[in-house]
Amino acid sequence: MTAPGRPPVDPQRPTSAAAEASAPAPSAKQPAGPIASDVLFAGANEVQIVHRGSLYRLKQTALGKLILTK
């Protein structure tokens, strides 16, 4: 399931964001800063994340909880 206006993610074809995410970070020892969930979800109830070639789905429940599934 994809958000309106977003094309489906093909886990076999890396996107520029996936390619950037798979590249080693210059300072891998420093954690990334926090990202607000409303920014991450941008009005959708689900986001798709490609991690090491696998597709994951991060969903918001009606009660505001988060569920990550592969």
PDB file of N, CA and C in Angstrom:
ATOM      1  N   MET A   1       0.854  -1.172   0.000  1.00  0.00           N
ATOM      2  CA  MET A   1       0.000   0.000   0.000  1.00  0.00           C
ATOM      3  C   MET A   1       0.899   1.233   0.000  1.00  0.00           C
ATOM      4  N   THR A   2       0.638   2.166  -0.865  1.00  0.00           N
ATOM      5  CA  THR A   2       1.427   3.387  -0.934  1.00  0.00           C
ATOM      6  C   THR A   2       0.544   4.584  -0.629  1.00  0.00           C
ATOM      7  N   ALA A   3       1.172   5.665  -0.247  1.00  0.00           N
ATOM      8  CA  ALA A   3       0.441   6.889   0.042  1.00  0.00           C
ATOM      9  C   ALA A   3       0.012   7.520  -1.276  1.00  0.00           C
ATOM     10  N   PRO A   4      -1.088   8.255  -1.259  1.00  0.00           N
ATOM     11  CA  PRO A   4      -1.516   8.928  -2.489  1.00  0.00           C
ATOM     12  C   PRO A   4      -0.407   9.846  -3.007  1.00  0.00           C
ATOM     13  N   GLY A   5      -0.179   9.794  -4.307  1.00  0.00           N
ATOM     14  CA  GLY A   5       0.837  10.639  -4.907  1.00  0.00           C
ATOM     15  C   GLY A   5       2.239  10.073  -4.860  1.00  0.00           C
ATOM     16  N   ARG A   6       2.415   8.923  -4.226  1.00  0.00           N
ATOM     17  CA  ARG A   6       3.728   8.299  -4.153  1.00  0.00           C
ATOM     18  C   ARG A   6       3.725   7.033  -4.997  1.00  0.00           C
ATOM     19  N   PRO A   7       4.747   6.854  -5.830  1.00  0.00           N
ATOM     20  CA  PRO A   7       4.810   5.619  -6.613  1.00  0.00           C
ATOM     21  C   PRO A   7       5.202   4.452  -5.714  1.00  0.00           C
ATOM     22  N   PRO A   8       4.805   3.227  -6.068  1.00  0.00           N
ATOM     23  CA  PRO A   8       5.196   2.064  -5.269  1.00  0.00           C
ATOM     24  C   PRO A   8       6.711   1.878  -5.320  1.00  0.00           C
ATOM     25  N   VAL A   9       7.257   1.330  -4.240  1.00  0.00           N
ATOM     26  CA  VAL A   9       8.690   1.096  -4.149  1.00  0.00           C
ATOM     27  C   VAL A   9       8.996  -0.305  -4.658  1.00  0.00           C
ATOM     28  N   ASP A  10       9.931  -0.407  -5.595  1.00  0.00           N
ATOM     29  CA  ASP A  10      10.397  -1.690  -6.097  1.00  0.00           C
ATOM     30  C   ASP A  10      11.678  -2.031  -5.349  1.00  0.00           C
ATOM     31  N   PRO A  11      11.661  -3.026  -4.428  1.00  0.00           N
ATOM     32  CA  PRO A  11      12.858  -3.321  -3.638  1.00  0.00           C
ATOM     33  C   PRO A  11      14.026  -3.813  -4.489  1.00  0.00           C
ATOM     34  N   GLN A  12      13.767  -4.253  -5.713  1.00  0.00           N
ATOM     35  CA  GLN A  12      14.838  -4.719  -6.587  1.00  0.00           C
ATOM     36  C   GLN A  12      15.561  -3.572  -7.280  1.00  0.00           C
ATOM     37  N   ARG A  13      14.908  -2.395  -7.382  1.00  0.00           N
ATOM     38  CA  ARG A  13      15.496  -1.250  -8.047  1.00  0.00           C
ATOM     39  C   ARG A  13      15.770  -0.159  -7.021  1.00  0.00           C
ATOM     40  N   PRO A  14      17.051   0.042  -6.661  1.00  0.00           N
ATOM     41  CA  PRO A  14      17.327   1.049  -5.637  1.00  0.00           C
ATOM     42  C   PRO A  14      17.012   2.455  -6.138  1.00  0.00           C
ATOM     43  N   THR A  15      16.388   3.231  -5.286  1.00  0.00           N
ATOM     44  CA  THR A  15      16.124   4.628  -5.596  1.00  0.00           C
ATOM     45  C   THR A  15      17.319   5.448  -5.136  1.00  0.00           C
ATOM     46  N   SER A  16      17.343   6.703  -5.491  1.00  0.00           N
ATOM     47  CA  SER A  16      18.472   7.529  -5.067  1.00  0.00           C
ATOM     48  C   SER A  16      18.533   7.598  -3.546  1.00  0.00           C
ATOM     49  N   ALA A  17      17.377   7.640  -2.877  1.00  0.00           N
ATOM     50  CA  ALA A  17      17.370   7.665  -1.419  1.00  0.00           C
ATOM     51  C   ALA A  17      17.911   6.354  -0.860  1.00  0.00           C
ATOM     52  N   ALA A  18      17.527   5.222  -1.488  1.00  0.00           N
ATOM     53  CA  ALA A  18      18.026   3.927  -1.032  1.00  0.00           C
ATOM     54  C   ALA A  18      19.523   3.818  -1.281  1.00  0.00           C
ATOM     55  N   ALA A  19      19.982   4.339  -2.407  1.00  0.00           N
ATOM     56  CA  ALA A  19      21.408   4.301  -2.706  1.00  0.00           C
ATOM     57  C   ALA A  19      22.178   5.143  -1.700  1.00  0.00           C
ATOM     58  N   GLU A  20      21.640   6.312  -1.351  1.00  0.00           N
ATOM     59  CA  GLU A  20      22.291   7.153  -0.358  1.00  0.00           C
ATOM     60  C   GLU A  20      22.288   6.479   1.001  1.00  0.00           C
ATOM     61  N   ALA A  21      21.183   5.811   1.359  1.00  0.00           N
ATOM     62  CA  ALA A  21      21.079   5.157   2.654  1.00  0.00           C
ATOM     63  C   ALA A  21      22.040   3.978   2.761  1.00  0.00           C
ATOM     64  N   SER A  22      22.321   3.299   1.631  1.00  0.00           N
ATOM     65  CA  SER A  22      23.206   2.152   1.687  1.00  0.00           C
ATOM     66  C   SER A  22      24.671   2.559   1.679  1.00  0.00           C
ATOM     67  N   ALA A  23      24.959   3.800   1.300  1.00  0.00           N
ATOM     68  CA  ALA A  23      26.335   4.283   1.308  1.00  0.00           C
ATOM     69  C   ALA A  23      26.778   4.482   2.754  1.00  0.00           C
ATOM     70  N   PRO A  24      28.024   4.160   3.041  1.00  0.00           N
ATOM     71  CA  PRO A  24      28.480   4.342   4.419  1.00  0.00           C
ATOM     72  C   PRO A  24      28.457   5.819   4.813  1.00  0.00           C
ATOM     73  N   ALA A  25      27.979   6.076   5.998  1.00  0.00           N
ATOM     74  CA  ALA A  25      27.916   7.441   6.492  1.00  0.00           C
ATOM     75  C   ALA A  25      29.322   7.907   6.862  1.00  0.00           C
ATOM     76  N   PRO A  26      29.635   9.175   6.601  1.00  0.00           N
ATOM     77  CA  PRO A  26      30.974   9.660   6.911  1.00  0.00           C
ATOM     78  C   PRO A  26      31.317   9.533   8.389  1.00  0.00           C
ATOM     79  N   SER A  27      30.353   9.745   9.270  1.00  0.00           N
ATOM     80  CA  SER A  27      30.594   9.598  10.709  1.00  0.00           C
ATOM     81  C   SER A  27      29.582   8.605  11.267  1.00  0.00           C
ATOM     82  N   ALA A  28      29.791   7.334  10.983  1.00  0.00           N
ATOM     83  CA  ALA A  28      28.846   6.289  11.372  1.00  0.00           C
ATOM     84  C   ALA A  28      28.692   6.184  12.885  1.00  0.00           C
ATOM     85  N   LYS A  29      29.629   6.722  13.645  1.00  0.00           N
ATOM     86  CA  LYS A  29      29.559   6.636  15.103  1.00  0.00           C
ATOM     87  C   LYS A  29      28.589   7.642  15.693  1.00  0.00           C
ATOM     88  N   GLN A  30      28.246   8.687  14.928  1.00  0.00           N
ATOM     89  CA  GLN A  30      27.321   9.702  15.408  1.00  0.00           C
ATOM     90  C   GLN A  30      25.892   9.314  15.023  1.00  0.00           C
ATOM     91  N   PRO A  31      24.983   9.209  15.994  1.00  0.00           N
ATOM     92  CA  PRO A  31      23.596   8.884  15.637  1.00  0.00           C
ATOM     93  C   PRO A  31      22.938  10.047  14.905  1.00  0.00           C
ATOM     94  N   ALA A  32      22.000   9.692  14.043  1.00  0.00           N
ATOM     95  CA  ALA A  32      21.231  10.725  13.344  1.00  0.00           C
ATOM     96  C   ALA A  32      20.333  11.422  14.350  1.00  0.00           C
ATOM     97  N   GLY A  33      20.017  12.662  14.082  1.00  0.00           N
ATOM     98  CA  GLY A  33      19.122  13.398  14.963  1.00  0.00           C
ATOM     99  C   GLY A  33      17.715  12.842  14.883  1.00  0.00           C
ATOM    100  N   PRO A  34      16.879  13.157  15.853  1.00  0.00           N
ATOM    101  CA  PRO A  34      15.504  12.656  15.835  1.00  0.00           C
ATOM    102  C   PRO A  34      14.711  13.239  14.666  1.00  0.00           C
ATOM    103  N   ILE A  35      13.815  12.439  14.125  1.00  0.00           N
ATOM    104  CA  ILE A  35      12.923  12.861  13.044  1.00  0.00           C
ATOM    105  C   ILE A  35      11.503  12.784  13.584  1.00  0.00           C
ATOM    106  N   ALA A  36      10.772  13.869  13.506  1.00  0.00           N
ATOM    107  CA  ALA A  36       9.386  13.879  13.979  1.00  0.00           C
ATOM    108  C   ALA A  36       8.548  12.962  13.096  1.00  0.00           C
ATOM    109  N   SER A  37       7.700  12.160  13.715  1.00  0.00           N
ATOM    110  CA  SER A  37       6.905  11.203  12.949  1.00  0.00           C
ATOM    111  C   SER A  37       5.979  11.886  11.951  1.00  0.00           C
ATOM    112  N   ASP A  38       5.466  13.082  12.268  1.00  0.00           N
ATOM    113  CA  ASP A  38       4.590  13.759  11.309  1.00  0.00           C
ATOM    114  C   ASP A  38       5.361  14.180  10.059  1.00  0.00           C
ATOM    115  N   VAL A  39       6.656  14.446  10.189  1.00  0.00           N
ATOM    116  CA  VAL A  39       7.495  14.748   9.031  1.00  0.00           C
ATOM    117  C   VAL A  39       7.756  13.465   8.245  1.00  0.00           C
ATOM    118  N   LEU A  40       8.059  12.401   8.956  1.00  0.00           N
ATOM    119  CA  LEU A  40       8.352  11.116   8.318  1.00  0.00           C
ATOM    120  C   LEU A  40       7.140  10.586   7.545  1.00  0.00           C
ATOM    121  N   PHE A  41       5.976  10.631   8.151  1.00  0.00           N
ATOM    122  CA  PHE A  41       4.779  10.094   7.518  1.00  0.00           C
ATOM    123  C   PHE A  41       4.124  11.071   6.541  1.00  0.00           C
ATOM    124  N   ALA A  42       4.347  12.360   6.703  1.00  0.00           N
ATOM    125  CA  ALA A  42       3.817  13.391   5.797  1.00  0.00           C
ATOM    126  C   ALA A  42       2.325  13.188   5.489  1.00  0.00           C
ATOM    127  N   GLY A  43       1.536  12.934   6.523  1.00  0.00           N
ATOM    128  CA  GLY A  43       0.096  12.791   6.343  1.00  0.00           C
ATOM    129  C   GLY A  43      -0.373  11.384   6.005  1.00  0.00           C
ATOM    130  N   ALA A  44       0.542  10.478   5.692  1.00  0.00           N
ATOM    131  CA  ALA A  44       0.174   9.092   5.377  1.00  0.00           C
ATOM    132  C   ALA A  44       0.139   8.265   6.660  1.00  0.00           C
ATOM    133  N   ASN A  45      -0.427   7.076   6.589  1.00  0.00           N
ATOM    134  CA  ASN A  45      -0.433   6.164   7.734  1.00  0.00           C
ATOM    135  C   ASN A  45       0.669   5.121   7.651  1.00  0.00           C
ATOM    136  N   GLU A  46       1.389   5.108   6.520  1.00  0.00           N
ATOM    137  CA  GLU A  46       2.416   4.085   6.320  1.00  0.00           C
ATOM    138  C   GLU A  46       3.550   4.655   5.474  1.00  0.00           C
ATOM    139  N   VAL A  47       4.782   4.271   5.808  1.00  0.00           N
ATOM    140  CA  VAL A  47       5.935   4.573   4.964  1.00  0.00           C
ATOM    141  C   VAL A  47       6.655   3.270   4.672  1.00  0.00           C
ATOM    142  N   GLN A  48       7.267   3.212   3.509  1.00  0.00           N
ATOM    143  CA  GLN A  48       8.027   2.030   3.122  1.00  0.00           C
ATOM    144  C   GLN A  48       9.509   2.362   3.216  1.00  0.00           C
ATOM    145  N   ILE A  49      10.269   1.430   3.799  1.00  0.00           N
ATOM    146  CA  ILE A  49      11.699   1.630   4.023  1.00  0.00           C
ATOM    147  C   ILE A  49      12.444   0.474   3.384  1.00  0.00           C
ATOM    148  N   VAL A  50      13.428   0.774   2.546  1.00  0.00           N
ATOM    149  CA  VAL A  50      14.289  -0.266   1.986  1.00  0.00           C
ATOM    150  C   VAL A  50      15.547  -0.296   2.834  1.00  0.00           C
ATOM    151  N   HIS A  51      15.830  -1.445   3.440  1.00  0.00           N
ATOM    152  CA  HIS A  51      16.998  -1.611   4.305  1.00  0.00           C
ATOM    153  C   HIS A  51      17.737  -2.872   3.881  1.00  0.00           C
ATOM    154  N   ARG A  52      18.956  -2.688   3.397  1.00  0.00           N
ATOM    155  CA  ARG A  52      19.800  -3.804   2.950  1.00  0.00           C
ATOM    156  C   ARG A  52      19.070  -4.704   1.956  1.00  0.00           C
ATOM    157  N   GLY A  53      18.349  -4.086   1.038  1.00  0.00           N
ATOM    158  CA  GLY A  53      17.678  -4.829  -0.017  1.00  0.00           C
ATOM    159  C   GLY A  53      16.323  -5.401   0.348  1.00  0.00           C
ATOM    160  N   SER A  54      15.891  -5.241   1.594  1.00  0.00           N
ATOM    161  CA  SER A  54      14.576  -5.733   2.009  1.00  0.00           C
ATOM    162  C   SER A  54      13.633  -4.558   2.224  1.00  0.00           C
ATOM    163  N   LEU A  55      12.365  -4.781   1.908  1.00  0.00           N
ATOM    164  CA  LEU A  55      11.346  -3.752   2.066  1.00  0.00           C
ATOM    165  C   LEU A  55      10.643  -3.924   3.411  1.00  0.00           C
ATOM    166  N   TYR A  56      10.593  -2.854   4.176  1.00  0.00           N
ATOM    167  CA  TYR A  56       9.906  -2.839   5.464  1.00  0.00           C
ATOM    168  C   TYR A  56       8.794  -1.808   5.387  1.00  0.00           C
ATOM    169  N   ARG A  57       7.761  -1.994   6.192  1.00  0.00           N
ATOM    170  CA  ARG A  57       6.653  -1.045   6.270  1.00  0.00           C
ATOM    171  C   ARG A  57       6.523  -0.569   7.715  1.00  0.00           C
ATOM    172  N   LEU A  58       6.501   0.737   7.885  1.00  0.00           N
ATOM    173  CA  LEU A  58       6.287   1.344   9.189  1.00  0.00           C
ATOM    174  C   LEU A  58       4.897   1.957   9.170  1.00  0.00           C
ATOM    175  N   LYS A  59       4.023   1.432  10.028  1.00  0.00           N
ATOM    176  CA  LYS A  59       2.617   1.857  10.025  1.00  0.00           C
ATOM    177  C   LYS A  59       2.263   2.514  11.349  1.00  0.00           C
ATOM    178  N   GLN A  60       1.330   3.476  11.263  1.00  0.00           N
ATOM    179  CA  GLN A  60       0.752   4.088  12.452  1.00  0.00           C
ATOM    180  C   GLN A  60      -0.600   3.431  12.711  1.00  0.00           C
ATOM    181  N   THR A  61      -0.855   3.053  13.946  1.00  0.00           N
ATOM    182  CA  THR A  61      -2.159   2.502  14.289  1.00  0.00           C
ATOM    183  C   THR A  61      -3.122   3.641  14.610  1.00  0.00           C
ATOM    184  N   ALA A  62      -4.388   3.294  14.759  1.00  0.00           N
ATOM    185  CA  ALA A  62      -5.408   4.290  15.109  1.00  0.00           C
ATOM    186  C   ALA A  62      -5.122   4.913  16.480  1.00  0.00           C
ATOM    187  N   LEU A  63      -4.400   4.183  17.336  1.00  0.00           N
ATOM    188  CA  LEU A  63      -4.073   4.691  18.667  1.00  0.00           C
ATOM    189  C   LEU A  63      -2.735   5.430  18.690  1.00  0.00           C
ATOM    190  N   GLY A  64      -2.116   5.584  17.515  1.00  0.00           N
ATOM    191  CA  GLY A  64      -0.863   6.330  17.444  1.00  0.00           C
ATOM    192  C   GLY A  64       0.389   5.516  17.706  1.00  0.00           C
ATOM    193  N   LYS A  65       0.255   4.210  17.783  1.00  0.00           N
ATOM    194  CA  LYS A  65       1.425   3.347  17.972  1.00  0.00           C
ATOM    195  C   LYS A  65       2.059   3.059  16.615  1.00  0.00           C
ATOM    196  N   LEU A  66       3.315   2.612  16.633  1.00  0.00           N
ATOM    197  CA  LEU A  66       4.025   2.294  15.408  1.00  0.00           C
ATOM    198  C   LEU A  66       4.273   0.803  15.308  1.00  0.00           C
ATOM    199  N   ILE A  67       4.108   0.250  14.106  1.00  0.00           N
ATOM    200  CA  ILE A  67       4.351  -1.164  13.840  1.00  0.00           C
ATOM    201  C   ILE A  67       5.281  -1.264  12.643  1.00  0.00           C
ATOM    202  N   LEU A  68       6.407  -1.960  12.803  1.00  0.00           N
ATOM    203  CA  LEU A  68       7.353  -2.183  11.717  1.00  0.00           C
ATOM    204  C   LEU A  68       7.247  -3.646  11.293  1.00  0.00           C
ATOM    205  N   THR A  69       6.975  -3.876  10.005  1.00  0.00           N
ATOM    206  CA  THR A  69       6.867  -5.236   9.490  1.00  0.00           C
ATOM    207  C   THR A  69       7.742  -5.381   8.261  1.00  0.00           C
ATOM    208  N   LYS A  70       8.150  -6.616   8.022  1.00  0.00           N
ATOM    209  CA  LYS A  70       8.971  -6.923   6.859  1.00  0.00           C
ATOM    210  C   LYS A  70       8.090  -7.501   5.782  1.00  0.00           C
TER     211      LYS A  70
END
